[in-house]
Amino acid sequence: MSFFDYFKTKKNPSASVAKERLQIIVAHERGQRDQPDYLPALQQEILAVIRKYVQIDDDMVQVELDRNENCSVLELNVTLPEHS
C-alpha cells in the first residue's frame, strides 16, 4: 500500500447492496403479479387452521404457486416450532 492509496476514496459498498436488494424486491413483485387473487386469503385460512393446533407466526407459512406449461403447482412451506 502506497502513501497515496491512503487518500484515495474507496467505493461505498452500500450502493451495490441497495441495488441487489432492489433487484430482489422487483423479482418478488413480478412473481406476485402473476399469482391468483385467492392466494393471500388461502394463506390466512391455512394459518388459522394450523393455529388451532400449534402457535406459529405469520412468516412461518409460505404459499407459492408455480406454473408450468402443463400444470400449476401449489407449494406450501410451514415451519413448525420445536417442542422443548
PDB file of N, CA and C in Angstrom:
ATOM      1  N   MET A   1       0.841  -1.166   0.000  1.00  0.00           N
ATOM      2  CA  MET A   1       0.000   0.000   0.000  1.00  0.00           C
ATOM      3  C   MET A   1       0.889   1.232   0.000  1.00  0.00           C
ATOM      4  N   SER A   2       0.658   2.098  -0.968  1.00  0.00           N
ATOM      5  CA  SER A   2       1.472   3.307  -1.056  1.00  0.00           C
ATOM      6  C   SER A   2       0.846   4.426  -0.225  1.00  0.00           C
ATOM      7  N   PHE A   3       1.595   5.472  -0.079  1.00  0.00           N
ATOM      8  CA  PHE A   3       1.142   6.630   0.680  1.00  0.00           C
ATOM      9  C   PHE A   3      -0.095   7.261   0.042  1.00  0.00           C
ATOM     10  N   PHE A   4      -0.161   7.268  -1.302  1.00  0.00           N
ATOM     11  CA  PHE A   4      -1.273   7.896  -1.999  1.00  0.00           C
ATOM     12  C   PHE A   4      -2.554   7.045  -1.939  1.00  0.00           C
ATOM     13  N   ASP A   5      -2.394   5.756  -1.772  1.00  0.00           N
ATOM     14  CA  ASP A   5      -3.570   4.893  -1.655  1.00  0.00           C
ATOM     15  C   ASP A   5      -4.396   5.235  -0.419  1.00  0.00           C
ATOM     16  N   TYR A   6      -3.771   5.756   0.580  1.00  0.00           N
ATOM     17  CA  TYR A   6      -4.456   6.118   1.807  1.00  0.00           C
ATOM     18  C   TYR A   6      -5.467   7.232   1.574  1.00  0.00           C
ATOM     19  N   PHE A   7      -5.176   8.133   0.631  1.00  0.00           N
ATOM     20  CA  PHE A   7      -6.036   9.291   0.385  1.00  0.00           C
ATOM     21  C   PHE A   7      -7.084   9.053  -0.703  1.00  0.00           C
ATOM     22  N   LYS A   8      -6.989   7.958  -1.402  1.00  0.00           N
ATOM     23  CA  LYS A   8      -7.974   7.661  -2.436  1.00  0.00           C
ATOM     24  C   LYS A   8      -9.317   7.333  -1.789  1.00  0.00           C
ATOM     25  N   THR A   9     -10.357   7.792  -2.445  1.00  0.00           N
ATOM     26  CA  THR A   9     -11.680   7.471  -1.913  1.00  0.00           C
ATOM     27  C   THR A   9     -12.022   6.026  -2.274  1.00  0.00           C
ATOM     28  N   LYS A  10     -12.606   5.356  -1.335  1.00  0.00           N
ATOM     29  CA  LYS A  10     -12.983   3.974  -1.557  1.00  0.00           C
ATOM     30  C   LYS A  10     -14.458   3.942  -1.929  1.00  0.00           C
ATOM     31  N   LYS A  11     -14.793   3.021  -2.821  1.00  0.00           N
ATOM     32  CA  LYS A  11     -16.185   2.894  -3.229  1.00  0.00           C
ATOM     33  C   LYS A  11     -17.003   2.414  -2.047  1.00  0.00           C
ATOM     34  N   ASN A  12     -18.173   3.005  -1.922  1.00  0.00           N
ATOM     35  CA  ASN A  12     -19.078   2.633  -0.854  1.00  0.00           C
ATOM     36  C   ASN A  12     -19.870   1.402  -1.283  1.00  0.00           C
ATOM     37  N   PRO A  13     -19.744   0.289  -0.586  1.00  0.00           N
ATOM     38  CA  PRO A  13     -20.454  -0.928  -0.998  1.00  0.00           C
ATOM     39  C   PRO A  13     -21.959  -0.844  -0.773  1.00  0.00           C
ATOM     40  N   SER A  14     -22.424   0.192  -0.074  1.00  0.00           N
ATOM     41  CA  SER A  14     -23.856   0.276   0.206  1.00  0.00           C
ATOM     42  C   SER A  14     -24.668   0.469  -1.074  1.00  0.00           C
ATOM     43  N   ALA A  15     -24.087   1.088  -2.091  1.00  0.00           N
ATOM     44  CA  ALA A  15     -24.803   1.258  -3.356  1.00  0.00           C
ATOM     45  C   ALA A  15     -25.043  -0.086  -4.027  1.00  0.00           C
ATOM     46  N   SER A  16     -24.049  -0.951  -4.010  1.00  0.00           N
ATOM     47  CA  SER A  16     -24.223  -2.259  -4.632  1.00  0.00           C
ATOM     48  C   SER A  16     -25.176  -3.125  -3.816  1.00  0.00           C
ATOM     49  N   VAL A  17     -25.131  -2.998  -2.501  1.00  0.00           N
ATOM     50  CA  VAL A  17     -26.057  -3.745  -1.650  1.00  0.00           C
ATOM     51  C   VAL A  17     -27.485  -3.277  -1.905  1.00  0.00           C
ATOM     52  N   ALA A  18     -27.674  -1.975  -2.012  1.00  0.00           N
ATOM     53  CA  ALA A  18     -29.006  -1.426  -2.286  1.00  0.00           C
ATOM     54  C   ALA A  18     -29.511  -1.891  -3.649  1.00  0.00           C
ATOM     55  N   LYS A  19     -28.640  -1.942  -4.619  1.00  0.00           N
ATOM     56  CA  LYS A  19     -29.031  -2.409  -5.948  1.00  0.00           C
ATOM     57  C   LYS A  19     -29.472  -3.866  -5.902  1.00  0.00           C
ATOM     58  N   GLU A  20     -28.729  -4.701  -5.200  1.00  0.00           N
ATOM     59  CA  GLU A  20     -29.097  -6.114  -5.079  1.00  0.00           C
ATOM     60  C   GLU A  20     -30.435  -6.274  -4.377  1.00  0.00           C
ATOM     61  N   ARG A  21     -30.653  -5.516  -3.324  1.00  0.00           N
ATOM     62  CA  ARG A  21     -31.926  -5.596  -2.605  1.00  0.00           C
ATOM     63  C   ARG A  21     -33.078  -5.155  -3.479  1.00  0.00           C
ATOM     64  N   LEU A  22     -32.881  -4.111  -4.247  1.00  0.00           N
ATOM     65  CA  LEU A  22     -33.924  -3.638  -5.154  1.00  0.00           C
ATOM     66  C   LEU A  22     -34.240  -4.688  -6.210  1.00  0.00           C
ATOM     67  N   GLN A  23     -33.223  -5.369  -6.726  1.00  0.00           N
ATOM     68  CA  GLN A  23     -33.452  -6.421  -7.708  1.00  0.00           C
ATOM     69  C   GLN A  23     -34.266  -7.565  -7.105  1.00  0.00           C
ATOM     70  N   ILE A  24     -33.996  -7.895  -5.858  1.00  0.00           N
ATOM     71  CA  ILE A  24     -34.759  -8.950  -5.180  1.00  0.00           C
ATOM     72  C   ILE A  24     -36.202  -8.522  -5.012  1.00  0.00           C
ATOM     73  N   ILE A  25     -36.426  -7.290  -4.614  1.00  0.00           N
ATOM     74  CA  ILE A  25     -37.793  -6.785  -4.425  1.00  0.00           C
ATOM     75  C   ILE A  25     -38.555  -6.775  -5.738  1.00  0.00           C
ATOM     76  N   VAL A  26     -37.920  -6.320  -6.796  1.00  0.00           N
ATOM     77  CA  VAL A  26     -38.576  -6.277  -8.111  1.00  0.00           C
ATOM     78  C   VAL A  26     -38.921  -7.684  -8.586  1.00  0.00           C
ATOM     79  N   ALA A  27     -38.002  -8.627  -8.400  1.00  0.00           N
ATOM     80  CA  ALA A  27     -38.275 -10.012  -8.801  1.00  0.00           C
ATOM     81  C   ALA A  27     -39.425 -10.586  -7.994  1.00  0.00           C
ATOM     82  N   HIS A  28     -39.473 -10.285  -6.708  1.00  0.00           N
ATOM     83  CA  HIS A  28     -40.562 -10.775  -5.866  1.00  0.00           C
ATOM     84  C   HIS A  28     -41.899 -10.182  -6.303  1.00  0.00           C
ATOM     85  N   GLU A  29     -41.921  -8.892  -6.596  1.00  0.00           N
ATOM     86  CA  GLU A  29     -43.158  -8.243  -7.024  1.00  0.00           C
ATOM     87  C   GLU A  29     -43.633  -8.792  -8.361  1.00  0.00           C
ATOM     88  N   ARG A  30     -42.716  -9.073  -9.266  1.00  0.00           N
ATOM     89  CA  ARG A  30     -43.104  -9.664 -10.549  1.00  0.00           C
ATOM     90  C   ARG A  30     -43.730 -11.029 -10.341  1.00  0.00           C
ATOM     91  N   GLY A  31     -43.175 -11.798  -9.421  1.00  0.00           N
ATOM     92  CA  GLY A  31     -43.733 -13.110  -9.122  1.00  0.00           C
ATOM     93  C   GLY A  31     -45.107 -13.009  -8.494  1.00  0.00           C
ATOM     94  N   GLN A  32     -45.316 -12.009  -7.661  1.00  0.00           N
ATOM     95  CA  GLN A  32     -46.610 -11.824  -7.011  1.00  0.00           C
ATOM     96  C   GLN A  32     -47.677 -11.386  -8.010  1.00  0.00           C
ATOM     97  N   ARG A  33     -47.280 -10.668  -9.040  1.00  0.00           N
ATOM     98  CA  ARG A  33     -48.232 -10.141 -10.021  1.00  0.00           C
ATOM     99  C   ARG A  33     -48.924 -11.257 -10.792  1.00  0.00           C
ATOM    100  N   ASP A  34     -48.237 -12.367 -11.002  1.00  0.00           N
ATOM    101  CA  ASP A  34     -48.791 -13.469 -11.775  1.00  0.00           C
ATOM    102  C   ASP A  34     -49.615 -14.436 -10.934  1.00  0.00           C
ATOM    103  N   GLN A  35     -49.677 -14.216  -9.634  1.00  0.00           N
ATOM    104  CA  GLN A  35     -50.400 -15.139  -8.772  1.00  0.00           C
ATOM    105  C   GLN A  35     -51.888 -14.801  -8.747  1.00  0.00           C
ATOM    106  N   PRO A  36     -52.720 -15.807  -8.542  1.00  0.00           N
ATOM    107  CA  PRO A  36     -54.157 -15.556  -8.448  1.00  0.00           C
ATOM    108  C   PRO A  36     -54.494 -14.749  -7.200  1.00  0.00           C
ATOM    109  N   ASP A  37     -55.644 -14.114  -7.218  1.00  0.00           N
ATOM    110  CA  ASP A  37     -56.056 -13.249  -6.115  1.00  0.00           C
ATOM    111  C   ASP A  37     -56.347 -14.018  -4.826  1.00  0.00           C
ATOM    112  N   TYR A  38     -56.643 -15.286  -4.925  1.00  0.00           N
ATOM    113  CA  TYR A  38     -57.045 -16.035  -3.741  1.00  0.00           C
ATOM    114  C   TYR A  38     -55.882 -16.496  -2.872  1.00  0.00           C
ATOM    115  N   LEU A  39     -54.646 -16.367  -3.313  1.00  0.00           N
ATOM    116  CA  LEU A  39     -53.518 -16.881  -2.536  1.00  0.00           C
ATOM    117  C   LEU A  39     -53.357 -16.204  -1.169  1.00  0.00           C
ATOM    118  N   PRO A  40     -53.463 -14.898  -1.037  1.00  0.00           N
ATOM    119  CA  PRO A  40     -53.341 -14.308   0.308  1.00  0.00           C
ATOM    120  C   PRO A  40     -54.437 -14.798   1.257  1.00  0.00           C
ATOM    121  N   ALA A  41     -55.662 -14.923   0.755  1.00  0.00           N
ATOM    122  CA  ALA A  41     -56.750 -15.429   1.596  1.00  0.00           C
ATOM    123  C   ALA A  41     -56.505 -16.886   1.961  1.00  0.00           C
ATOM    124  N   LEU A  42     -56.020 -17.670   1.014  1.00  0.00           N
ATOM    125  CA  LEU A  42     -55.712 -19.074   1.268  1.00  0.00           C
ATOM    126  C   LEU A  42     -54.643 -19.189   2.341  1.00  0.00           C
ATOM    127  N   GLN A  43     -53.623 -18.347   2.273  1.00  0.00           N
ATOM    128  CA  GLN A  43     -52.558 -18.383   3.266  1.00  0.00           C
ATOM    129  C   GLN A  43     -53.104 -18.054   4.652  1.00  0.00           C
ATOM    130  N   GLN A  44     -53.997 -17.070   4.763  1.00  0.00           N
ATOM    131  CA  GLN A  44     -54.574 -16.717   6.056  1.00  0.00           C
ATOM    132  C   GLN A  44     -55.437 -17.844   6.611  1.00  0.00           C
ATOM    133  N   GLU A  45     -56.177 -18.505   5.748  1.00  0.00           N
ATOM    134  CA  GLU A  45     -57.009 -19.623   6.190  1.00  0.00           C
ATOM    135  C   GLU A  45     -56.147 -20.797   6.657  1.00  0.00           C
ATOM    136  N   ILE A  46     -55.066 -21.066   5.941  1.00  0.00           N
ATOM    137  CA  ILE A  46     -54.156 -22.138   6.348  1.00  0.00           C
ATOM    138  C   ILE A  46     -53.532 -21.805   7.700  1.00  0.00           C
ATOM    139  N   LEU A  47     -53.141 -20.550   7.891  1.00  0.00           N
ATOM    140  CA  LEU A  47     -52.596 -20.115   9.182  1.00  0.00           C
ATOM    141  C   LEU A  47     -53.609 -20.348  10.300  1.00  0.00           C
ATOM    142  N   ALA A  48     -54.869 -20.020  10.054  1.00  0.00           N
ATOM    143  CA  ALA A  48     -55.909 -20.185  11.067  1.00  0.00           C
ATOM    144  C   ALA A  48     -56.079 -21.646  11.452  1.00  0.00           C
ATOM    145  N   VAL A  49     -56.039 -22.527  10.466  1.00  0.00           N
ATOM    146  CA  VAL A  49     -56.183 -23.955  10.754  1.00  0.00           C
ATOM    147  C   VAL A  49     -54.989 -24.472  11.546  1.00  0.00           C
ATOM    148  N   ILE A  50     -53.785 -24.101  11.147  1.00  0.00           N
ATOM    149  CA  ILE A  50     -52.584 -24.569  11.842  1.00  0.00           C
ATOM    150  C   ILE A  50     -52.562 -24.045  13.269  1.00  0.00           C
ATOM    151  N   ARG A  51     -53.040 -22.810  13.475  1.00  0.00           N
ATOM    152  CA  ARG A  51     -53.040 -22.209  14.817  1.00  0.00           C
ATOM    153  C   ARG A  51     -54.019 -22.887  15.775  1.00  0.00           C
ATOM    154  N   LYS A  52     -54.921 -23.674  15.246  1.00  0.00           N
ATOM    155  CA  LYS A  52     -55.785 -24.447  16.136  1.00  0.00           C
ATOM    156  C   LYS A  52     -54.982 -25.484  16.900  1.00  0.00           C
ATOM    157  N   TYR A  53     -53.839 -25.887  16.341  1.00  0.00           N
ATOM    158  CA  TYR A  53     -53.044 -26.954  16.921  1.00  0.00           C
ATOM    159  C   TYR A  53     -51.678 -26.500  17.422  1.00  0.00           C
ATOM    160  N   VAL A  54     -51.087 -25.501  16.769  1.00  0.00           N
ATOM    161  CA  VAL A  54     -49.732 -25.057  17.100  1.00  0.00           C
ATOM    162  C   VAL A  54     -49.684 -23.535  16.992  1.00  0.00           C
ATOM    163  N   GLN A  55     -48.996 -22.888  17.933  1.00  0.00           N
ATOM    164  CA  GLN A  55     -48.823 -21.438  17.875  1.00  0.00           C
ATOM    165  C   GLN A  55     -47.676 -21.110  16.916  1.00  0.00           C
ATOM    166  N   ILE A  56     -47.986 -20.415  15.809  1.00  0.00           N
ATOM    167  CA  ILE A  56     -46.973 -20.023  14.832  1.00  0.00           C
ATOM    168  C   ILE A  56     -47.179 -18.570  14.431  1.00  0.00           C
ATOM    169  N   ASP A  57     -46.120 -17.961  13.914  1.00  0.00           N
ATOM    170  CA  ASP A  57     -46.182 -16.590  13.413  1.00  0.00           C
ATOM    171  C   ASP A  57     -46.566 -16.592  11.938  1.00  0.00           C
ATOM    172  N   ASP A  58     -46.987 -15.433  11.431  1.00  0.00           N
ATOM    173  CA  ASP A  58     -47.397 -15.309  10.031  1.00  0.00           C
ATOM    174  C   ASP A  58     -46.286 -15.681   9.056  1.00  0.00           C
ATOM    175  N   ASP A  59     -45.056 -15.322   9.398  1.00  0.00           N
ATOM    176  CA  ASP A  59     -43.953 -15.569   8.468  1.00  0.00           C
ATOM    177  C   ASP A  59     -43.487 -17.019   8.458  1.00  0.00           C
ATOM    178  N   MET A  60     -44.127 -17.875   9.242  1.00  0.00           N
ATOM    179  CA  MET A  60     -43.742 -19.286   9.286  1.00  0.00           C
ATOM    180  C   MET A  60     -44.483 -20.129   8.251  1.00  0.00           C
ATOM    181  N   VAL A  61     -45.391 -19.494   7.501  1.00  0.00           N
ATOM    182  CA  VAL A  61     -46.121 -20.192   6.440  1.00  0.00           C
ATOM    183  C   VAL A  61     -45.918 -19.431   5.140  1.00  0.00           C
ATOM    184  N   GLN A  62     -45.434 -20.129   4.130  1.00  0.00           N
ATOM    185  CA  GLN A  62     -45.220 -19.544   2.812  1.00  0.00           C
ATOM    186  C   GLN A  62     -46.047 -20.321   1.794  1.00  0.00           C
ATOM    187  N   VAL A  63     -46.826 -19.606   1.011  1.00  0.00           N
ATOM    188  CA  VAL A  63     -47.637 -20.231  -0.030  1.00  0.00           C
ATOM    189  C   VAL A  63     -47.181 -19.664  -1.362  1.00  0.00           C
ATOM    190  N   GLU A  64     -46.831 -20.552  -2.303  1.00  0.00           N
ATOM    191  CA  GLU A  64     -46.372 -20.120  -3.621  1.00  0.00           C
ATOM    192  C   GLU A  64     -47.062 -20.952  -4.690  1.00  0.00           C
ATOM    193  N   LEU A  65     -47.247 -20.345  -5.836  1.00  0.00           N
ATOM    194  CA  LEU A  65     -47.834 -21.037  -6.965  1.00  0.00           C
ATOM    195  C   LEU A  65     -46.837 -21.018  -8.108  1.00  0.00           C
ATOM    196  N   ASP A  66     -46.426 -22.196  -8.554  1.00  0.00           N
ATOM    197  CA  ASP A  66     -45.513 -22.326  -9.688  1.00  0.00           C
ATOM    198  C   ASP A  66     -46.301 -22.819 -10.883  1.00  0.00           C
ATOM    199  N   ARG A  67     -46.140 -22.138 -11.986  1.00  0.00           N
ATOM    200  CA  ARG A  67     -46.863 -22.530 -13.195  1.00  0.00           C
ATOM    201  C   ARG A  67     -45.894 -23.046 -14.241  1.00  0.00           C
ATOM    202  N   ASN A  68     -46.271 -24.161 -14.834  1.00  0.00           N
ATOM    203  CA  ASN A  68     -45.545 -24.717 -15.975  1.00  0.00           C
ATOM    204  C   ASN A  68     -46.465 -24.646 -17.176  1.00  0.00           C
ATOM    205  N   GLU A  69     -46.011 -25.159 -18.277  1.00  0.00           N
ATOM    206  CA  GLU A  69     -46.845 -25.159 -19.475  1.00  0.00           C
ATOM    207  C   GLU A  69     -48.065 -26.055 -19.301  1.00  0.00           C
ATOM    208  N   ASN A  70     -47.890 -27.160 -18.575  1.00  0.00           N
ATOM    209  CA  ASN A  70     -48.954 -28.152 -18.478  1.00  0.00           C
ATOM    210  C   ASN A  70     -49.743 -28.110 -17.177  1.00  0.00           C
ATOM    211  N   CYS A  71     -49.162 -27.571 -16.112  1.00  0.00           N
ATOM    212  CA  CYS A  71     -49.857 -27.619 -14.830  1.00  0.00           C
ATOM    213  C   CYS A  71     -49.399 -26.494 -13.914  1.00  0.00           C
ATOM    214  N   SER A  72     -50.138 -26.342 -12.824  1.00  0.00           N
ATOM    215  CA  SER A  72     -49.774 -25.404 -11.769  1.00  0.00           C
ATOM    216  C   SER A  72     -49.527 -26.202 -10.504  1.00  0.00           C
ATOM    217  N   VAL A  73     -48.518 -25.792  -9.732  1.00  0.00           N
ATOM    218  CA  VAL A  73     -48.170 -26.486  -8.500  1.00  0.00           C
ATOM    219  C   VAL A  73     -48.275 -25.491  -7.355  1.00  0.00           C
ATOM    220  N   LEU A  74     -49.102 -25.841  -6.379  1.00  0.00           N
ATOM    221  CA  LEU A  74     -49.237 -25.026  -5.182  1.00  0.00           C
ATOM    222  C   LEU A  74     -48.259 -25.570  -4.147  1.00  0.00           C
ATOM    223  N   GLU A  75     -47.321 -24.728  -3.721  1.00  0.00           N
ATOM    224  CA  GLU A  75     -46.291 -25.140  -2.775  1.00  0.00           C
ATOM    225  C   GLU A  75     -46.574 -24.485  -1.434  1.00  0.00           C
ATOM    226  N   LEU A  76     -46.628 -25.297  -0.396  1.00  0.00           N
ATOM    227  CA  LEU A  76     -46.902 -24.814   0.944  1.00  0.00           C
ATOM    228  C   LEU A  76     -45.735 -25.198   1.844  1.00  0.00           C
ATOM    229  N   ASN A  77     -45.078 -24.217   2.429  1.00  0.00           N
ATOM    230  CA  ASN A  77     -43.968 -24.450   3.357  1.00  0.00           C
ATOM    231  C   ASN A  77     -44.368 -23.942   4.721  1.00  0.00           C
ATOM    232  N   VAL A  78     -44.388 -24.837   5.696  1.00  0.00           N
ATOM    233  CA  VAL A  78     -44.739 -24.485   7.072  1.00  0.00           C
ATOM    234  C   VAL A  78     -43.553 -24.821   7.966  1.00  0.00           C
ATOM    235  N   THR A  79     -43.091 -23.834   8.708  1.00  0.00           N
ATOM    236  CA  THR A  79     -42.028 -24.058   9.672  1.00  0.00           C
ATOM    237  C   THR A  79     -42.683 -24.206  11.032  1.00  0.00           C
ATOM    238  N   LEU A  80     -42.627 -25.410  11.566  1.00  0.00           N
ATOM    239  CA  LEU A  80     -43.231 -25.672  12.866  1.00  0.00           C
ATOM    240  C   LEU A  80     -42.204 -25.446  13.968  1.00  0.00           C
ATOM    241  N   PRO A  81     -42.640 -24.877  15.083  1.00  0.00           N
ATOM    242  CA  PRO A  81     -41.695 -24.673  16.187  1.00  0.00           C
ATOM    243  C   PRO A  81     -41.310 -25.997  16.827  1.00  0.00           C
ATOM    244  N   GLU A  82     -40.100 -26.035  17.367  1.00  0.00           N
ATOM    245  CA  GLU A  82     -39.654 -27.236  18.061  1.00  0.00           C
ATOM    246  C   GLU A  82     -40.224 -27.232  19.463  1.00  0.00           C
ATOM    247  N   HIS A  83     -40.631 -28.401  19.936  1.00  0.00           N
ATOM    248  CA  HIS A  83     -41.142 -28.518  21.299  1.00  0.00           C
ATOM    249  C   HIS A  83     -39.990 -28.782  22.242  1.00  0.00           C
ATOM    250  N   SER A  84     -39.988 -28.106  23.373  1.00  0.00           N
ATOM    251  CA  SER A  84     -38.907 -28.298  24.352  1.00  0.00           C
ATOM    252  C   SER A  84     -39.238 -29.404  25.307  1.00  0.00           C
TER     253      SER A  84
END
